[in-house]
Amino acid sequence: MHLADVDDGTPTKVEDIARELDVPRNYLSKILHTLARAGFLSSMRGPGGGFTMAQAPSSIRLLDVIRHFEGRHGEHTCLMGNKQCQEDDPCAAHDRWAVVKSQVTTFLSDTTIFDLLASQPHTRPLTDPS
């Protein structure tokens, strides 16, 4: 979100983002490199290096980003901690959780980075370069 909001084509250093967001630099660096390997960001080394957006914020669905950190296994994880929760052997929360999980998946699938940025107050006009 931060990179999409400030991206003007100039690479942003990990240190600057970490300071702005008040998060540990090493933790953030791992996240940014994962997003770069996934193709959401571009990274450049060297004195003028840093990270920029590799895709338009309107083309990046939250579900796609989350899957790079949780994988697809989260889709089948049981809320109650069972190895696998299935229709023929459901846990106590299965039916109620299925409804919520479906709503969350729909939200993540239908929402882009640009959608979230557009809902925030900005001091500059928000445009999507797509």
N, C-alpha and C. Protein backbone atom coordinates (compact mmCIF):
# COMPACT_ATOMS: atom_id res chain seq x y z
N MET A 1 0.83 -1.19 0.00
CA MET A 1 0.00 0.00 0.00
C MET A 1 0.87 1.25 0.00
N HIS A 2 1.88 1.25 0.85
CA HIS A 2 2.73 2.44 0.94
C HIS A 2 3.42 2.73 -0.39
N LEU A 3 4.01 1.71 -0.99
CA LEU A 3 4.69 1.92 -2.26
C LEU A 3 3.72 2.37 -3.35
N ALA A 4 2.56 1.78 -3.39
CA ALA A 4 1.57 2.18 -4.40
C ALA A 4 1.15 3.62 -4.20
N ASP A 5 1.11 4.07 -2.96
CA ASP A 5 0.67 5.43 -2.65
C ASP A 5 1.74 6.47 -3.01
N VAL A 6 3.00 6.12 -2.82
CA VAL A 6 4.07 7.11 -3.05
C VAL A 6 4.80 6.91 -4.36
N ASP A 7 4.46 5.86 -5.10
CA ASP A 7 5.23 5.51 -6.30
C ASP A 7 5.14 6.59 -7.37
N ASP A 8 6.32 7.12 -7.71
CA ASP A 8 6.42 8.08 -8.81
C ASP A 8 7.46 7.60 -9.82
N GLY A 9 7.82 6.31 -9.71
CA GLY A 9 8.82 5.73 -10.59
C GLY A 9 10.21 5.75 -9.99
N THR A 10 10.39 6.52 -8.92
CA THR A 10 11.68 6.58 -8.25
C THR A 10 11.73 5.48 -7.19
N PRO A 11 12.79 4.68 -7.20
CA PRO A 11 12.88 3.61 -6.20
C PRO A 11 12.89 4.15 -4.77
N THR A 12 12.18 3.45 -3.90
CA THR A 12 12.11 3.82 -2.49
C THR A 12 12.93 2.81 -1.69
N LYS A 13 13.81 3.30 -0.85
CA LYS A 13 14.69 2.45 -0.06
C LYS A 13 13.92 1.77 1.08
N VAL A 14 14.36 0.55 1.40
CA VAL A 14 13.75 -0.20 2.49
C VAL A 14 13.80 0.61 3.78
N GLU A 15 14.93 1.25 4.04
CA GLU A 15 15.09 2.03 5.28
C GLU A 15 14.04 3.13 5.39
N ASP A 16 13.77 3.79 4.26
CA ASP A 16 12.78 4.88 4.26
C ASP A 16 11.38 4.36 4.54
N ILE A 17 11.05 3.23 3.93
CA ILE A 17 9.72 2.64 4.14
C ILE A 17 9.59 2.16 5.59
N ALA A 18 10.62 1.50 6.09
CA ALA A 18 10.60 0.99 7.46
C ALA A 18 10.42 2.13 8.46
N ARG A 19 11.12 3.22 8.23
CA ARG A 19 11.01 4.37 9.13
C ARG A 19 9.59 4.97 9.05
N GLU A 20 9.09 5.12 7.84
CA GLU A 20 7.76 5.71 7.64
C GLU A 20 6.66 4.86 8.28
N LEU A 21 6.79 3.54 8.15
CA LEU A 21 5.76 2.63 8.68
C LEU A 21 6.04 2.17 10.10
N ASP A 22 7.22 2.50 10.61
CA ASP A 22 7.64 2.10 11.95
C ASP A 22 7.61 0.58 12.12
N VAL A 23 8.28 -0.10 11.18
CA VAL A 23 8.41 -1.56 11.23
C VAL A 23 9.89 -1.91 11.14
N PRO A 24 10.27 -3.08 11.65
CA PRO A 24 11.68 -3.49 11.57
C PRO A 24 12.16 -3.63 10.12
N ARG A 25 13.32 -3.09 9.84
CA ARG A 25 13.87 -3.08 8.49
C ARG A 25 14.03 -4.50 7.93
N ASN A 26 14.61 -5.42 8.71
CA ASN A 26 14.85 -6.77 8.19
C ASN A 26 13.56 -7.50 7.87
N TYR A 27 12.56 -7.32 8.72
CA TYR A 27 11.25 -7.94 8.50
C TYR A 27 10.64 -7.39 7.20
N LEU A 28 10.68 -6.09 7.05
CA LEU A 28 10.12 -5.45 5.86
C LEU A 28 10.88 -5.86 4.61
N SER A 29 12.19 -5.96 4.71
CA SER A 29 13.00 -6.35 3.56
C SER A 29 12.60 -7.72 3.04
N LYS A 30 12.36 -8.66 3.92
CA LYS A 30 11.93 -10.00 3.50
C LYS A 30 10.58 -9.95 2.79
N ILE A 31 9.67 -9.15 3.32
CA ILE A 31 8.35 -9.01 2.71
C ILE A 31 8.47 -8.40 1.31
N LEU A 32 9.24 -7.33 1.20
CA LEU A 32 9.40 -6.65 -0.09
C LEU A 32 10.06 -7.56 -1.12
N HIS A 33 11.04 -8.33 -0.71
CA HIS A 33 11.69 -9.25 -1.64
C HIS A 33 10.73 -10.36 -2.09
N THR A 34 9.89 -10.83 -1.19
CA THR A 34 8.86 -11.82 -1.57
C THR A 34 7.91 -11.21 -2.60
N LEU A 35 7.49 -9.98 -2.39
CA LEU A 35 6.60 -9.31 -3.34
C LEU A 35 7.29 -9.05 -4.68
N ALA A 36 8.59 -8.80 -4.64
CA ALA A 36 9.34 -8.60 -5.89
C ALA A 36 9.46 -9.93 -6.65
N ARG A 37 9.76 -11.01 -5.94
CA ARG A 37 9.85 -12.32 -6.61
C ARG A 37 8.50 -12.72 -7.21
N ALA A 38 7.42 -12.27 -6.59
CA ALA A 38 6.08 -12.57 -7.09
C ALA A 38 5.69 -11.69 -8.27
N GLY A 39 6.47 -10.64 -8.52
CA GLY A 39 6.20 -9.78 -9.67
C GLY A 39 5.35 -8.55 -9.36
N PHE A 40 5.02 -8.33 -8.10
CA PHE A 40 4.23 -7.16 -7.73
C PHE A 40 5.10 -5.90 -7.66
N LEU A 41 6.37 -6.10 -7.27
CA LEU A 41 7.32 -4.99 -7.13
C LEU A 41 8.53 -5.24 -8.00
N SER A 42 9.27 -4.17 -8.27
CA SER A 42 10.57 -4.27 -8.91
C SER A 42 11.59 -3.82 -7.87
N SER A 43 12.75 -4.46 -7.88
CA SER A 43 13.80 -4.04 -6.96
C SER A 43 15.06 -3.73 -7.74
N MET A 44 15.77 -2.72 -7.26
CA MET A 44 17.02 -2.32 -7.88
C MET A 44 18.06 -2.16 -6.78
N ARG A 45 19.25 -2.71 -7.04
CA ARG A 45 20.34 -2.60 -6.08
C ARG A 45 21.15 -1.35 -6.35
N GLY A 46 21.96 -1.01 -5.38
CA GLY A 46 22.90 0.09 -5.56
C GLY A 46 22.46 1.37 -4.89
N PRO A 47 23.28 2.41 -5.03
CA PRO A 47 23.02 3.69 -4.35
C PRO A 47 21.66 4.31 -4.70
N GLY A 48 21.21 4.16 -5.93
CA GLY A 48 19.91 4.72 -6.32
C GLY A 48 18.82 3.68 -6.31
N GLY A 49 19.10 2.56 -5.68
CA GLY A 49 18.17 1.44 -5.72
C GLY A 49 17.04 1.54 -4.72
N GLY A 50 16.23 0.53 -4.74
CA GLY A 50 15.07 0.46 -3.85
C GLY A 50 13.96 -0.32 -4.55
N PHE A 51 12.75 -0.06 -4.15
CA PHE A 51 11.60 -0.78 -4.69
C PHE A 51 10.62 0.18 -5.33
N THR A 52 10.02 -0.29 -6.43
CA THR A 52 8.94 0.42 -7.10
C THR A 52 7.86 -0.59 -7.43
N MET A 53 6.71 -0.09 -7.81
CA MET A 53 5.62 -0.96 -8.22
C MET A 53 5.95 -1.54 -9.59
N ALA A 54 5.73 -2.84 -9.77
CA ALA A 54 5.95 -3.49 -11.06
C ALA A 54 4.63 -3.67 -11.81
N GLN A 55 3.54 -3.54 -11.09
CA GLN A 55 2.21 -3.67 -11.69
C GLN A 55 1.36 -2.48 -11.22
N ALA A 56 0.34 -2.20 -11.99
CA ALA A 56 -0.60 -1.15 -11.59
C ALA A 56 -1.35 -1.61 -10.35
N PRO A 57 -1.55 -0.73 -9.38
CA PRO A 57 -2.29 -1.10 -8.17
C PRO A 57 -3.68 -1.68 -8.46
N SER A 58 -4.29 -1.29 -9.57
CA SER A 58 -5.62 -1.80 -9.90
C SER A 58 -5.57 -3.25 -10.39
N SER A 59 -4.40 -3.75 -10.70
CA SER A 59 -4.30 -5.13 -11.18
C SER A 59 -3.87 -6.10 -10.08
N ILE A 60 -3.61 -5.59 -8.89
CA ILE A 60 -3.13 -6.44 -7.79
C ILE A 60 -4.26 -6.69 -6.80
N ARG A 61 -4.80 -7.92 -6.86
CA ARG A 61 -5.86 -8.31 -5.93
C ARG A 61 -5.23 -8.70 -4.59
N LEU A 62 -5.91 -8.37 -3.50
CA LEU A 62 -5.41 -8.72 -2.18
C LEU A 62 -5.22 -10.23 -2.04
N LEU A 63 -6.11 -11.01 -2.62
CA LEU A 63 -6.03 -12.46 -2.54
C LEU A 63 -4.72 -12.96 -3.14
N ASP A 64 -4.30 -12.39 -4.25
CA ASP A 64 -3.06 -12.80 -4.90
C ASP A 64 -1.85 -12.50 -4.02
N VAL A 65 -1.86 -11.36 -3.36
CA VAL A 65 -0.75 -10.98 -2.48
C VAL A 65 -0.71 -11.92 -1.27
N ILE A 66 -1.83 -12.13 -0.64
CA ILE A 66 -1.88 -12.97 0.56
C ILE A 66 -1.43 -14.39 0.26
N ARG A 67 -1.77 -14.90 -0.88
CA ARG A 67 -1.40 -16.28 -1.23
C ARG A 67 0.12 -16.47 -1.29
N HIS A 68 0.85 -15.41 -1.54
CA HIS A 68 2.31 -15.53 -1.58
C HIS A 68 2.91 -15.66 -0.19
N PHE A 69 2.11 -15.37 0.82
CA PHE A 69 2.59 -15.48 2.20
C PHE A 69 1.97 -16.67 2.92
N GLU A 70 0.74 -16.99 2.60
CA GLU A 70 0.05 -18.09 3.26
C GLU A 70 -0.05 -19.32 2.37
N GLY A 71 0.10 -19.15 1.09
CA GLY A 71 -0.09 -20.26 0.17
C GLY A 71 -1.56 -20.61 0.08
N ARG A 72 -1.85 -21.64 -0.63
CA ARG A 72 -3.24 -22.07 -0.80
C ARG A 72 -3.71 -22.96 0.34
N HIS A 73 -2.78 -23.37 1.23
CA HIS A 73 -3.17 -24.26 2.32
C HIS A 73 -4.19 -23.60 3.25
N GLY A 74 -4.17 -22.28 3.36
CA GLY A 74 -5.10 -21.57 4.23
C GLY A 74 -6.55 -21.76 3.84
N GLU A 75 -6.78 -22.10 2.57
CA GLU A 75 -8.14 -22.30 2.10
C GLU A 75 -8.77 -23.55 2.70
N HIS A 76 -7.94 -24.49 3.14
CA HIS A 76 -8.45 -25.76 3.65
C HIS A 76 -8.12 -25.97 5.12
N THR A 77 -7.60 -24.95 5.77
CA THR A 77 -7.23 -25.06 7.17
C THR A 77 -8.48 -25.00 8.04
N CYS A 78 -8.52 -25.87 9.02
CA CYS A 78 -9.66 -25.91 9.93
C CYS A 78 -9.52 -24.83 10.99
N LEU A 79 -10.58 -24.11 11.24
CA LEU A 79 -10.58 -23.06 12.25
C LEU A 79 -10.32 -23.62 13.64
N MET A 80 -10.73 -24.85 13.89
CA MET A 80 -10.58 -25.47 15.20
C MET A 80 -9.25 -26.23 15.34
N GLY A 81 -8.45 -26.24 14.29
CA GLY A 81 -7.14 -26.86 14.37
C GLY A 81 -7.08 -28.32 13.93
N ASN A 82 -8.18 -28.85 13.41
CA ASN A 82 -8.14 -30.23 12.91
C ASN A 82 -7.22 -30.29 11.69
N LYS A 83 -6.69 -31.47 11.40
CA LYS A 83 -5.79 -31.60 10.25
C LYS A 83 -6.45 -31.09 8.98
N GLN A 84 -7.65 -31.54 8.74
CA GLN A 84 -8.41 -31.05 7.60
C GLN A 84 -9.88 -31.14 7.93
N CYS A 85 -10.59 -30.09 7.65
CA CYS A 85 -12.01 -30.01 7.96
C CYS A 85 -12.78 -30.27 6.66
N GLN A 86 -13.66 -31.24 6.68
CA GLN A 86 -14.38 -31.60 5.47
C GLN A 86 -15.86 -31.68 5.74
N GLU A 87 -16.63 -31.63 4.67
CA GLU A 87 -18.08 -31.70 4.77
C GLU A 87 -18.55 -32.99 5.45
N ASP A 88 -17.88 -34.10 5.16
CA ASP A 88 -18.32 -35.38 5.73
C ASP A 88 -17.78 -35.61 7.14
N ASP A 89 -16.86 -34.78 7.60
CA ASP A 89 -16.33 -34.89 8.97
C ASP A 89 -16.02 -33.48 9.48
N PRO A 90 -17.06 -32.65 9.64
CA PRO A 90 -16.83 -31.24 9.98
C PRO A 90 -16.50 -31.04 11.47
N CYS A 91 -15.79 -29.96 11.74
CA CYS A 91 -15.56 -29.55 13.13
C CYS A 91 -16.80 -28.81 13.62
N ALA A 92 -16.78 -28.41 14.88
CA ALA A 92 -17.93 -27.74 15.48
C ALA A 92 -18.22 -26.38 14.82
N ALA A 93 -17.20 -25.74 14.26
CA ALA A 93 -17.38 -24.41 13.67
C ALA A 93 -17.53 -24.45 12.15
N HIS A 94 -17.44 -25.61 11.55
CA HIS A 94 -17.35 -25.74 10.10
C HIS A 94 -18.44 -24.97 9.34
N ASP A 95 -19.69 -25.22 9.64
CA ASP A 95 -20.77 -24.61 8.86
C ASP A 95 -20.80 -23.09 9.00
N ARG A 96 -20.62 -22.60 10.22
CA ARG A 96 -20.65 -21.15 10.42
C ARG A 96 -19.41 -20.50 9.84
N TRP A 97 -18.25 -21.15 9.99
CA TRP A 97 -17.01 -20.60 9.47
C TRP A 97 -17.00 -20.59 7.94
N ALA A 98 -17.62 -21.57 7.31
CA ALA A 98 -17.65 -21.64 5.85
C ALA A 98 -18.29 -20.38 5.26
N VAL A 99 -19.32 -19.86 5.91
CA VAL A 99 -19.98 -18.65 5.44
C VAL A 99 -19.03 -17.45 5.54
N VAL A 100 -18.38 -17.31 6.69
CA VAL A 100 -17.45 -16.20 6.90
C VAL A 100 -16.26 -16.31 5.95
N LYS A 101 -15.70 -17.50 5.84
CA LYS A 101 -14.55 -17.72 4.96
C LYS A 101 -14.89 -17.36 3.52
N SER A 102 -16.09 -17.69 3.09
CA SER A 102 -16.51 -17.36 1.74
C SER A 102 -16.59 -15.84 1.55
N GLN A 103 -17.11 -15.15 2.55
CA GLN A 103 -17.21 -13.69 2.46
C GLN A 103 -15.82 -13.05 2.44
N VAL A 104 -14.90 -13.56 3.25
CA VAL A 104 -13.54 -13.03 3.29
C VAL A 104 -12.86 -13.27 1.94
N THR A 105 -13.00 -14.48 1.41
CA THR A 105 -12.39 -14.80 0.12
C THR A 105 -12.95 -13.91 -0.98
N THR A 106 -14.24 -13.66 -0.96
CA THR A 106 -14.85 -12.77 -1.95
C THR A 106 -14.29 -11.36 -1.83
N PHE A 107 -14.19 -10.86 -0.60
CA PHE A 107 -13.63 -9.53 -0.37
C PHE A 107 -12.20 -9.45 -0.91
N LEU A 108 -11.36 -10.43 -0.55
CA LEU A 108 -9.96 -10.42 -0.98
C LEU A 108 -9.83 -10.56 -2.49
N SER A 109 -10.71 -11.31 -3.09
CA SER A 109 -10.68 -11.52 -4.53
C SER A 109 -11.18 -10.30 -5.30
N ASP A 110 -12.13 -9.59 -4.74
CA ASP A 110 -12.74 -8.44 -5.42
C ASP A 110 -12.07 -7.10 -5.10
N THR A 111 -11.11 -7.09 -4.18
CA THR A 111 -10.50 -5.83 -3.75
C THR A 111 -9.06 -5.75 -4.22
N THR A 112 -8.72 -4.63 -4.82
CA THR A 112 -7.35 -4.39 -5.29
C THR A 112 -6.65 -3.38 -4.38
N ILE A 113 -5.35 -3.27 -4.56
CA ILE A 113 -4.58 -2.26 -3.83
C ILE A 113 -5.13 -0.87 -4.15
N PHE A 114 -5.47 -0.64 -5.41
CA PHE A 114 -6.03 0.66 -5.79
C PHE A 114 -7.35 0.94 -5.07
N ASP A 115 -8.19 -0.07 -4.92
CA ASP A 115 -9.46 0.11 -4.20
C ASP A 115 -9.21 0.62 -2.79
N LEU A 116 -8.22 0.05 -2.12
CA LEU A 116 -7.92 0.47 -0.75
C LEU A 116 -7.34 1.87 -0.72
N LEU A 117 -6.46 2.17 -1.67
CA LEU A 117 -5.90 3.52 -1.75
C LEU A 117 -6.99 4.55 -2.02
N ALA A 118 -7.92 4.21 -2.88
CA ALA A 118 -8.99 5.14 -3.25
C ALA A 118 -9.90 5.46 -2.07
N SER A 119 -9.94 4.56 -1.09
CA SER A 119 -10.81 4.79 0.06
C SER A 119 -10.13 5.61 1.16
N GLN A 120 -8.85 5.94 0.97
CA GLN A 120 -8.09 6.72 1.95
C GLN A 120 -8.04 8.18 1.54
N PRO A 121 -8.02 9.09 2.53
CA PRO A 121 -7.85 10.51 2.18
C PRO A 121 -6.42 10.74 1.67
N HIS A 122 -6.28 11.54 0.62
CA HIS A 122 -4.98 11.82 0.02
C HIS A 122 -4.79 13.32 -0.12
N THR A 123 -3.53 13.73 -0.05
CA THR A 123 -3.23 15.14 -0.26
C THR A 123 -2.98 15.42 -1.74
N ARG A 124 -2.73 14.38 -2.51
CA ARG A 124 -2.53 14.55 -3.95
C ARG A 124 -3.59 13.73 -4.68
N PRO A 125 -3.92 14.09 -5.90
CA PRO A 125 -4.92 13.31 -6.64
C PRO A 125 -4.43 11.88 -6.85
N LEU A 126 -5.30 10.93 -6.67
CA LEU A 126 -4.96 9.53 -6.83
C LEU A 126 -5.35 9.06 -8.22
N THR A 127 -4.36 8.60 -8.97
CA THR A 127 -4.62 8.07 -10.30
C THR A 127 -3.94 6.73 -10.40
N ASP A 128 -4.49 5.89 -11.23
CA ASP A 128 -3.91 4.57 -11.45
C ASP A 128 -3.26 4.59 -12.82
N PRO A 129 -1.95 4.29 -12.89
CA PRO A 129 -1.26 4.37 -14.16
C PRO A 129 -1.55 3.24 -15.14
N SER A 130 -2.57 2.44 -14.89
CA SER A 130 -2.85 1.32 -15.80
C SER A 130 -3.46 1.76 -17.10
